[in-house]
Amino acid sequence: MTFDDPDLQGQILEMFAVQIEEFRRGLHETMGSAALCAFLHRFKGSARGVGAFALGEALEQAEREAATGALPLLVTVESCLAEVSADLTELQNS
């Protein structure tokens, strides 16, 4: 997807880091199970697109829970977000 272009890879990861912060803010503002499902679904695609597969799986599980009308437990999502954020910081500093 990036044709092994390190500059392009860096730009994509920077954009994803911004998306993580937007996701965190939006997650606490999203009301209703349908809106929450759509919100989780959009970010799931972004996560998988950059290779954050564990985060994508956690988002998919939360999306399934929200689809039933239940408030999903987001502990796993938050844990994966922390790990991905740490990884992104490490990559940006190297």
PDB file of N, CA and C in Angstrom:
ATOM      1  N   MET A   1       0.812  -1.187   0.000  1.00  0.00           N
ATOM      2  CA  MET A   1       0.000   0.000   0.000  1.00  0.00           C
ATOM      3  C   MET A   1       0.864   1.264   0.000  1.00  0.00           C
ATOM      4  N   THR A   2       1.996   1.229   0.658  1.00  0.00           N
ATOM      5  CA  THR A   2       2.870   2.398   0.694  1.00  0.00           C
ATOM      6  C   THR A   2       4.072   2.227  -0.222  1.00  0.00           C
ATOM      7  N   PHE A   3       4.150   1.104  -0.914  1.00  0.00           N
ATOM      8  CA  PHE A   3       5.248   0.816  -1.837  1.00  0.00           C
ATOM      9  C   PHE A   3       6.604   0.954  -1.149  1.00  0.00           C
ATOM     10  N   ASP A   4       6.642   0.546   0.130  1.00  0.00           N
ATOM     11  CA  ASP A   4       7.864   0.590   0.935  1.00  0.00           C
ATOM     12  C   ASP A   4       8.475   1.991   1.034  1.00  0.00           C
ATOM     13  N   ASP A   5       7.639   3.015   0.929  1.00  0.00           N
ATOM     14  CA  ASP A   5       8.100   4.397   1.045  1.00  0.00           C
ATOM     15  C   ASP A   5       8.049   4.800   2.519  1.00  0.00           C
ATOM     16  N   PRO A   6       9.204   4.935   3.175  1.00  0.00           N
ATOM     17  CA  PRO A   6       9.209   5.241   4.609  1.00  0.00           C
ATOM     18  C   PRO A   6       8.565   6.586   4.942  1.00  0.00           C
ATOM     19  N   ASP A   7       8.668   7.569   4.046  1.00  0.00           N
ATOM     20  CA  ASP A   7       8.022   8.860   4.305  1.00  0.00           C
ATOM     21  C   ASP A   7       6.505   8.717   4.303  1.00  0.00           C
ATOM     22  N   LEU A   8       5.992   7.979   3.336  1.00  0.00           N
ATOM     23  CA  LEU A   8       4.555   7.755   3.247  1.00  0.00           C
ATOM     24  C   LEU A   8       4.075   6.945   4.453  1.00  0.00           C
ATOM     25  N   GLN A   9       4.832   5.937   4.833  1.00  0.00           N
ATOM     26  CA  GLN A   9       4.478   5.146   6.012  1.00  0.00           C
ATOM     27  C   GLN A   9       4.412   6.026   7.258  1.00  0.00           C
ATOM     28  N   GLY A  10       5.401   6.913   7.401  1.00  0.00           N
ATOM     29  CA  GLY A  10       5.410   7.823   8.541  1.00  0.00           C
ATOM     30  C   GLY A  10       4.208   8.747   8.554  1.00  0.00           C
ATOM     31  N   GLN A  11       3.842   9.250   7.382  1.00  0.00           N
ATOM     32  CA  GLN A  11       2.681  10.139   7.287  1.00  0.00           C
ATOM     33  C   GLN A  11       1.399   9.419   7.672  1.00  0.00           C
ATOM     34  N   ILE A  12       1.259   8.193   7.208  1.00  0.00           N
ATOM     35  CA  ILE A  12       0.057   7.415   7.520  1.00  0.00           C
ATOM     36  C   ILE A  12      -0.018   7.141   9.019  1.00  0.00           C
ATOM     37  N   LEU A  13       1.109   6.790   9.618  1.00  0.00           N
ATOM     38  CA  LEU A  13       1.111   6.523  11.054  1.00  0.00           C
ATOM     39  C   LEU A  13       0.843   7.791  11.860  1.00  0.00           C
ATOM     40  N   GLU A  14       1.329   8.935  11.386  1.00  0.00           N
ATOM     41  CA  GLU A  14       1.024  10.204  12.049  1.00  0.00           C
ATOM     42  C   GLU A  14      -0.473  10.497  11.990  1.00  0.00           C
ATOM     43  N   MET A  15      -1.068  10.269  10.836  1.00  0.00           N
ATOM     44  CA  MET A  15      -2.511  10.481  10.698  1.00  0.00           C
ATOM     45  C   MET A  15      -3.282   9.531  11.614  1.00  0.00           C
ATOM     46  N   PHE A  16      -2.809   8.309  11.736  1.00  0.00           N
ATOM     47  CA  PHE A  16      -3.485   7.349  12.602  1.00  0.00           C
ATOM     48  C   PHE A  16      -3.370   7.771  14.068  1.00  0.00           C
ATOM     49  N   ALA A  17      -2.239   8.323  14.458  1.00  0.00           N
ATOM     50  CA  ALA A  17      -2.077   8.813  15.832  1.00  0.00           C
ATOM     51  C   ALA A  17      -3.103   9.912  16.120  1.00  0.00           C
ATOM     52  N   VAL A  18      -3.342  10.779  15.158  1.00  0.00           N
ATOM     53  CA  VAL A  18      -4.365  11.826  15.310  1.00  0.00           C
ATOM     54  C   VAL A  18      -5.746  11.184  15.410  1.00  0.00           C
ATOM     55  N   GLN A  19      -5.994  10.166  14.587  1.00  0.00           N
ATOM     56  CA  GLN A  19      -7.286   9.463  14.629  1.00  0.00           C
ATOM     57  C   GLN A  19      -7.523   8.820  15.994  1.00  0.00           C
ATOM     58  N   ILE A  20      -6.475   8.308  16.606  1.00  0.00           N
ATOM     59  CA  ILE A  20      -6.620   7.702  17.929  1.00  0.00           C
ATOM     60  C   ILE A  20      -7.133   8.736  18.916  1.00  0.00           C
ATOM     61  N   GLU A  21      -6.554   9.924  18.899  1.00  0.00           N
ATOM     62  CA  GLU A  21      -6.994  10.977  19.820  1.00  0.00           C
ATOM     63  C   GLU A  21      -8.420  11.405  19.518  1.00  0.00           C
ATOM     64  N   GLU A  22      -8.768  11.518  18.245  1.00  0.00           N
ATOM     65  CA  GLU A  22     -10.140  11.865  17.865  1.00  0.00           C
ATOM     66  C   GLU A  22     -11.107  10.760  18.286  1.00  0.00           C
ATOM     67  N   PHE A  23     -10.680   9.520  18.138  1.00  0.00           N
ATOM     68  CA  PHE A  23     -11.516   8.389  18.547  1.00  0.00           C
ATOM     69  C   PHE A  23     -11.778   8.434  20.046  1.00  0.00           C
ATOM     70  N   ARG A  24     -10.723   8.672  20.828  1.00  0.00           N
ATOM     71  CA  ARG A  24     -10.886   8.730  22.286  1.00  0.00           C
ATOM     72  C   ARG A  24     -11.881   9.815  22.683  1.00  0.00           C
ATOM     73  N   ARG A  25     -11.765  10.997  22.071  1.00  0.00           N
ATOM     74  CA  ARG A  25     -12.702  12.081  22.389  1.00  0.00           C
ATOM     75  C   ARG A  25     -14.117  11.714  21.955  1.00  0.00           C
ATOM     76  N   GLY A  26     -14.248  11.208  20.749  1.00  0.00           N
ATOM     77  CA  GLY A  26     -15.563  10.881  20.211  1.00  0.00           C
ATOM     78  C   GLY A  26     -16.243   9.734  20.921  1.00  0.00           C
ATOM     79  N   LEU A  27     -15.462   8.826  21.435  1.00  0.00           N
ATOM     80  CA  LEU A  27     -16.023   7.662  22.115  1.00  0.00           C
ATOM     81  C   LEU A  27     -16.856   8.087  23.315  1.00  0.00           C
ATOM     82  N   HIS A  28     -16.416   9.100  24.000  1.00  0.00           N
ATOM     83  CA  HIS A  28     -17.128   9.555  25.192  1.00  0.00           C
ATOM     84  C   HIS A  28     -18.288  10.482  24.851  1.00  0.00           C
ATOM     85  N   GLU A  29     -18.362  10.922  23.615  1.00  0.00           N
ATOM     86  CA  GLU A  29     -19.435  11.805  23.183  1.00  0.00           C
ATOM     87  C   GLU A  29     -20.530  11.069  22.426  1.00  0.00           C
ATOM     88  N   THR A  30     -20.270   9.858  21.963  1.00  0.00           N
ATOM     89  CA  THR A  30     -21.207   9.110  21.137  1.00  0.00           C
ATOM     90  C   THR A  30     -22.310   8.526  22.005  1.00  0.00           C
ATOM     91  N   MET A  31     -23.534   8.807  21.612  1.00  0.00           N
ATOM     92  CA  MET A  31     -24.693   8.324  22.365  1.00  0.00           C
ATOM     93  C   MET A  31     -25.534   7.405  21.484  1.00  0.00           C
ATOM     94  N   GLY A  32     -26.107   6.387  22.083  1.00  0.00           N
ATOM     95  CA  GLY A  32     -26.982   5.469  21.376  1.00  0.00           C
ATOM     96  C   GLY A  32     -26.215   4.344  20.729  1.00  0.00           C
ATOM     97  N   SER A  33     -26.815   3.165  20.729  1.00  0.00           N
ATOM     98  CA  SER A  33     -26.108   1.987  20.236  1.00  0.00           C
ATOM     99  C   SER A  33     -25.835   2.047  18.739  1.00  0.00           C
ATOM    100  N   ALA A  34     -26.754   2.597  17.938  1.00  0.00           N
ATOM    101  CA  ALA A  34     -26.530   2.670  16.491  1.00  0.00           C
ATOM    102  C   ALA A  34     -25.368   3.598  16.167  1.00  0.00           C
ATOM    103  N   ALA A  35     -25.311   4.751  16.817  1.00  0.00           N
ATOM    104  CA  ALA A  35     -24.217   5.698  16.582  1.00  0.00           C
ATOM    105  C   ALA A  35     -22.901   5.109  17.066  1.00  0.00           C
ATOM    106  N   LEU A  36     -22.936   4.414  18.198  1.00  0.00           N
ATOM    107  CA  LEU A  36     -21.726   3.796  18.726  1.00  0.00           C
ATOM    108  C   LEU A  36     -21.224   2.704  17.788  1.00  0.00           C
ATOM    109  N   CYS A  37     -22.125   1.889  17.260  1.00  0.00           N
ATOM    110  CA  CYS A  37     -21.741   0.842  16.300  1.00  0.00           C
ATOM    111  C   CYS A  37     -21.045   1.451  15.086  1.00  0.00           C
ATOM    112  N   ALA A  38     -21.627   2.500  14.534  1.00  0.00           N
ATOM    113  CA  ALA A  38     -21.051   3.142  13.353  1.00  0.00           C
ATOM    114  C   ALA A  38     -19.680   3.738  13.679  1.00  0.00           C
ATOM    115  N   PHE A  39     -19.554   4.346  14.840  1.00  0.00           N
ATOM    116  CA  PHE A  39     -18.303   4.957  15.266  1.00  0.00           C
ATOM    117  C   PHE A  39     -17.213   3.903  15.420  1.00  0.00           C
ATOM    118  N   LEU A  40     -17.527   2.805  16.093  1.00  0.00           N
ATOM    119  CA  LEU A  40     -16.575   1.710  16.278  1.00  0.00           C
ATOM    120  C   LEU A  40     -16.187   1.094  14.937  1.00  0.00           C
ATOM    121  N   HIS A  41     -17.172   0.928  14.069  1.00  0.00           N
ATOM    122  CA  HIS A  41     -16.940   0.305  12.766  1.00  0.00           C
ATOM    123  C   HIS A  41     -15.956   1.131  11.932  1.00  0.00           C
ATOM    124  N   ARG A  42     -16.139   2.439  11.908  1.00  0.00           N
ATOM    125  CA  ARG A  42     -15.237   3.296  11.120  1.00  0.00           C
ATOM    126  C   ARG A  42     -13.799   3.197  11.622  1.00  0.00           C
ATOM    127  N   PHE A  43     -13.626   3.254  12.925  1.00  0.00           N
ATOM    128  CA  PHE A  43     -12.270   3.221  13.457  1.00  0.00           C
ATOM    129  C   PHE A  43     -11.653   1.836  13.314  1.00  0.00           C
ATOM    130  N   LYS A  44     -12.482   0.798  13.343  1.00  0.00           N
ATOM    131  CA  LYS A  44     -11.989  -0.571  13.150  1.00  0.00           C
ATOM    132  C   LYS A  44     -11.288  -0.699  11.803  1.00  0.00           C
ATOM    133  N   GLY A  45     -11.860  -0.125  10.764  1.00  0.00           N
ATOM    134  CA  GLY A  45     -11.259  -0.164   9.441  1.00  0.00           C
ATOM    135  C   GLY A  45      -9.913   0.550   9.406  1.00  0.00           C
ATOM    136  N   SER A  46      -9.828   1.684  10.069  1.00  0.00           N
ATOM    137  CA  SER A  46      -8.561   2.421  10.134  1.00  0.00           C
ATOM    138  C   SER A  46      -7.502   1.603  10.863  1.00  0.00           C
ATOM    139  N   ALA A  47      -7.887   0.999  11.971  1.00  0.00           N
ATOM    140  CA  ALA A  47      -6.939   0.203  12.762  1.00  0.00           C
ATOM    141  C   ALA A  47      -6.384  -0.953  11.938  1.00  0.00           C
ATOM    142  N   ARG A  48      -7.259  -1.655  11.288  1.00  0.00           N
ATOM    143  CA  ARG A  48      -6.808  -2.791  10.477  1.00  0.00           C
ATOM    144  C   ARG A  48      -5.977  -2.325   9.291  1.00  0.00           C
ATOM    145  N   GLY A  49      -6.301  -1.152   8.752  1.00  0.00           N
ATOM    146  CA  GLY A  49      -5.576  -0.619   7.603  1.00  0.00           C
ATOM    147  C   GLY A  49      -4.113  -0.324   7.896  1.00  0.00           C
ATOM    148  N   VAL A  50      -3.804  -0.014   9.167  1.00  0.00           N
ATOM    149  CA  VAL A  50      -2.407   0.253   9.521  1.00  0.00           C
ATOM    150  C   VAL A  50      -1.748  -0.946  10.186  1.00  0.00           C
ATOM    151  N   GLY A  51      -2.470  -2.053  10.273  1.00  0.00           N
ATOM    152  CA  GLY A  51      -1.881  -3.265  10.833  1.00  0.00           C
ATOM    153  C   GLY A  51      -2.075  -3.436  12.322  1.00  0.00           C
ATOM    154  N   ALA A  52      -2.944  -2.634  12.937  1.00  0.00           N
ATOM    155  CA  ALA A  52      -3.230  -2.759  14.373  1.00  0.00           C
ATOM    156  C   ALA A  52      -4.368  -3.776  14.534  1.00  0.00           C
ATOM    157  N   PHE A  53      -4.039  -5.039  14.264  1.00  0.00           N
ATOM    158  CA  PHE A  53      -5.067  -6.075  14.184  1.00  0.00           C
ATOM    159  C   PHE A  53      -5.706  -6.404  15.531  1.00  0.00           C
ATOM    160  N   ALA A  54      -4.938  -6.385  16.610  1.00  0.00           N
ATOM    161  CA  ALA A  54      -5.522  -6.655  17.933  1.00  0.00           C
ATOM    162  C   ALA A  54      -6.525  -5.560  18.284  1.00  0.00           C
ATOM    163  N   LEU A  55      -6.209  -4.322  17.962  1.00  0.00           N
ATOM    164  CA  LEU A  55      -7.145  -3.223  18.187  1.00  0.00           C
ATOM    165  C   LEU A  55      -8.386  -3.413  17.318  1.00  0.00           C
ATOM    166  N   GLY A  56      -8.183  -3.806  16.064  1.00  0.00           N
ATOM    167  CA  GLY A  56      -9.315  -4.067  15.176  1.00  0.00           C
ATOM    168  C   GLY A  56     -10.236  -5.143  15.723  1.00  0.00           C
ATOM    169  N   GLU A  57      -9.654  -6.205  16.273  1.00  0.00           N
ATOM    170  CA  GLU A  57     -10.464  -7.284  16.855  1.00  0.00           C
ATOM    171  C   GLU A  57     -11.227  -6.797  18.087  1.00  0.00           C
ATOM    172  N   ALA A  58     -10.568  -6.002  18.923  1.00  0.00           N
ATOM    173  CA  ALA A  58     -11.234  -5.466  20.119  1.00  0.00           C
ATOM    174  C   ALA A  58     -12.387  -4.550  19.717  1.00  0.00           C
ATOM    175  N   LEU A  59     -12.172  -3.752  18.686  1.00  0.00           N
ATOM    176  CA  LEU A  59     -13.237  -2.873  18.194  1.00  0.00           C
ATOM    177  C   LEU A  59     -14.390  -3.679  17.603  1.00  0.00           C
ATOM    178  N   GLU A  60     -14.066  -4.761  16.912  1.00  0.00           N
ATOM    179  CA  GLU A  60     -15.120  -5.609  16.349  1.00  0.00           C
ATOM    180  C   GLU A  60     -15.971  -6.228  17.455  1.00  0.00           C
ATOM    181  N   GLN A  61     -15.330  -6.683  18.517  1.00  0.00           N
ATOM    182  CA  GLN A  61     -16.075  -7.257  19.645  1.00  0.00           C
ATOM    183  C   GLN A  61     -16.972  -6.197  20.289  1.00  0.00           C
ATOM    184  N   ALA A  62     -16.438  -5.004  20.480  1.00  0.00           N
ATOM    185  CA  ALA A  62     -17.230  -3.922  21.058  1.00  0.00           C
ATOM    186  C   ALA A  62     -18.388  -3.553  20.137  1.00  0.00           C
ATOM    187  N   GLU A  63     -18.136  -3.569  18.834  1.00  0.00           N
ATOM    188  CA  GLU A  63     -19.191  -3.286  17.855  1.00  0.00           C
ATOM    189  C   GLU A  63     -20.310  -4.324  17.943  1.00  0.00           C
ATOM    190  N   ARG A  64     -19.938  -5.596  18.072  1.00  0.00           N
ATOM    191  CA  ARG A  64     -20.944  -6.657  18.216  1.00  0.00           C
ATOM    192  C   ARG A  64     -21.777  -6.454  19.476  1.00  0.00           C
ATOM    193  N   GLU A  65     -21.116  -6.101  20.572  1.00  0.00           N
ATOM    194  CA  GLU A  65     -21.826  -5.876  21.829  1.00  0.00           C
ATOM    195  C   GLU A  65     -22.783  -4.694  21.696  1.00  0.00           C
ATOM    196  N   ALA A  66     -22.321  -3.618  21.075  1.00  0.00           N
ATOM    197  CA  ALA A  66     -23.162  -2.432  20.905  1.00  0.00           C
ATOM    198  C   ALA A  66     -24.358  -2.729  19.997  1.00  0.00           C
ATOM    199  N   ALA A  67     -24.168  -3.606  19.014  1.00  0.00           N
ATOM    200  CA  ALA A  67     -25.241  -3.947  18.084  1.00  0.00           C
ATOM    201  C   ALA A  67     -26.405  -4.636  18.787  1.00  0.00           C
ATOM    202  N   THR A  68     -26.136  -5.271  19.913  1.00  0.00           N
ATOM    203  CA  THR A  68     -27.206  -5.932  20.657  1.00  0.00           C
ATOM    204  C   THR A  68     -27.933  -4.957  21.578  1.00  0.00           C
ATOM    205  N   GLY A  69     -27.471  -3.714  21.596  1.00  0.00           N
ATOM    206  CA  GLY A  69     -28.077  -2.719  22.470  1.00  0.00           C
ATOM    207  C   GLY A  69     -27.376  -2.604  23.809  1.00  0.00           C
ATOM    208  N   ALA A  70     -26.404  -3.469  24.039  1.00  0.00           N
ATOM    209  CA  ALA A  70     -25.659  -3.431  25.295  1.00  0.00           C
ATOM    210  C   ALA A  70     -24.561  -2.382  25.203  1.00  0.00           C
ATOM    211  N   LEU A  71     -24.197  -1.831  26.326  1.00  0.00           N
ATOM    212  CA  LEU A  71     -23.055  -0.927  26.381  1.00  0.00           C
ATOM    213  C   LEU A  71     -21.810  -1.797  26.432  1.00  0.00           C
ATOM    214  N   PRO A  72     -20.969  -1.733  25.400  1.00  0.00           N
ATOM    215  CA  PRO A  72     -19.810  -2.638  25.357  1.00  0.00           C
ATOM    216  C   PRO A  72     -18.779  -2.296  26.426  1.00  0.00           C
ATOM    217  N   LEU A  73     -18.139  -3.344  26.915  1.00  0.00           N
ATOM    218  CA  LEU A  73     -17.013  -3.141  27.817  1.00  0.00           C
ATOM    219  C   LEU A  73     -15.828  -2.741  26.953  1.00  0.00           C
ATOM    220  N   LEU A  74     -15.277  -1.595  27.212  1.00  0.00           N
ATOM    221  CA  LEU A  74     -14.231  -1.061  26.351  1.00  0.00           C
ATOM    222  C   LEU A  74     -12.841  -1.193  26.955  1.00  0.00           C
ATOM    223  N   VAL A  75     -12.709  -2.043  27.976  1.00  0.00           N
ATOM    224  CA  VAL A  75     -11.417  -2.227  28.632  1.00  0.00           C
ATOM    225  C   VAL A  75     -10.383  -2.738  27.640  1.00  0.00           C
ATOM    226  N   THR A  76     -10.742  -3.715  26.844  1.00  0.00           N
ATOM    227  CA  THR A  76      -9.804  -4.276  25.868  1.00  0.00           C
ATOM    228  C   THR A  76      -9.466  -3.245  24.798  1.00  0.00           C
ATOM    229  N   VAL A  77     -10.451  -2.480  24.352  1.00  0.00           N
ATOM    230  CA  VAL A  77     -10.206  -1.427  23.369  1.00  0.00           C
ATOM    231  C   VAL A  77      -9.219  -0.414  23.939  1.00  0.00           C
ATOM    232  N   GLU A  78      -9.465   0.023  25.171  1.00  0.00           N
ATOM    233  CA  GLU A  78      -8.573   1.007  25.807  1.00  0.00           C
ATOM    234  C   GLU A  78      -7.154   0.451  25.962  1.00  0.00           C
ATOM    235  N   SER A  79      -7.040  -0.813  26.334  1.00  0.00           N
ATOM    236  CA  SER A  79      -5.729  -1.441  26.484  1.00  0.00           C
ATOM    237  C   SER A  79      -4.990  -1.487  25.146  1.00  0.00           C
ATOM    238  N   CYS A  80      -5.698  -1.881  24.102  1.00  0.00           N
ATOM    239  CA  CYS A  80      -5.089  -1.931  22.765  1.00  0.00           C
ATOM    240  C   CYS A  80      -4.710  -0.532  22.288  1.00  0.00           C
ATOM    241  N   LEU A  81      -5.553   0.461  22.579  1.00  0.00           N
ATOM    242  CA  LEU A  81      -5.231   1.838  22.204  1.00  0.00           C
ATOM    243  C   LEU A  81      -3.944   2.299  22.867  1.00  0.00           C
ATOM    244  N   ALA A  82      -3.784   1.949  24.138  1.00  0.00           N
ATOM    245  CA  ALA A  82      -2.566   2.325  24.861  1.00  0.00           C
ATOM    246  C   ALA A  82      -1.337   1.668  24.232  1.00  0.00           C
ATOM    247  N   GLU A  83      -1.465   0.399  23.880  1.00  0.00           N
ATOM    248  CA  GLU A  83      -0.340  -0.315  23.258  1.00  0.00           C
ATOM    249  C   GLU A  83       0.013   0.277  21.896  1.00  0.00           C
ATOM    250  N   VAL A  84      -1.000   0.545  21.085  1.00  0.00           N
ATOM    251  CA  VAL A  84      -0.757   1.107  19.756  1.00  0.00           C
ATOM    252  C   VAL A  84      -0.152   2.501  19.882  1.00  0.00           C
ATOM    253  N   SER A  85      -0.664   3.294  20.805  1.00  0.00           N
ATOM    254  CA  SER A  85      -0.121   4.642  21.019  1.00  0.00           C
ATOM    255  C   SER A  85       1.348   4.577  21.424  1.00  0.00           C
ATOM    256  N   ALA A  86       1.676   3.654  22.301  1.00  0.00           N
ATOM    257  CA  ALA A  86       3.074   3.488  22.725  1.00  0.00           C
ATOM    258  C   ALA A  86       3.938   3.062  21.543  1.00  0.00           C
ATOM    259  N   ASP A  87       3.447   2.147  20.738  1.00  0.00           N
ATOM    260  CA  ASP A  87       4.181   1.705  19.554  1.00  0.00           C
ATOM    261  C   ASP A  87       4.407   2.854  18.575  1.00  0.00           C
ATOM    262  N   LEU A  88       3.370   3.675  18.376  1.00  0.00           N
ATOM    263  CA  LEU A  88       3.501   4.808  17.462  1.00  0.00           C
ATOM    264  C   LEU A  88       4.523   5.813  17.972  1.00  0.00           C
ATOM    265  N   THR A  89       4.507   6.068  19.266  1.00  0.00           N
ATOM    266  CA  THR A  89       5.480   6.982  19.860  1.00  0.00           C
ATOM    267  C   THR A  89       6.895   6.451  19.660  1.00  0.00           C
ATOM    268  N   GLU A  90       7.059   5.159  19.888  1.00  0.00           N
ATOM    269  CA  GLU A  90       8.378   4.536  19.707  1.00  0.00           C
ATOM    270  C   GLU A  90       8.856   4.640  18.266  1.00  0.00           C
ATOM    271  N   LEU A  91       7.942   4.393  17.316  1.00  0.00           N
ATOM    272  CA  LEU A  91       8.300   4.489  15.902  1.00  0.00           C
ATOM    273  C   LEU A  91       8.657   5.921  15.505  1.00  0.00           C
ATOM    274  N   GLN A  92       7.924   6.880  16.034  1.00  0.00           N
ATOM    275  CA  GLN A  92       8.185   8.274  15.698  1.00  0.00           C
ATOM    276  C   GLN A  92       9.512   8.755  16.277  1.00  0.00           C
ATOM    277  N   ASN A  93       9.940   8.156  17.389  1.00  0.00           N
ATOM    278  CA  ASN A  93      11.179   8.560  18.026  1.00  0.00           C
ATOM    279  C   ASN A  93      12.400   7.822  17.497  1.00  0.00           C
ATOM    280  N   SER A  94      12.177   6.852  16.627  1.00  0.00           N
ATOM    281  CA  SER A  94      13.328   6.080  16.113  1.00  0.00           C
ATOM    282  C   SER A  94      13.786   6.572  14.762  1.00  0.00           C
TER     283      SER A  94
END
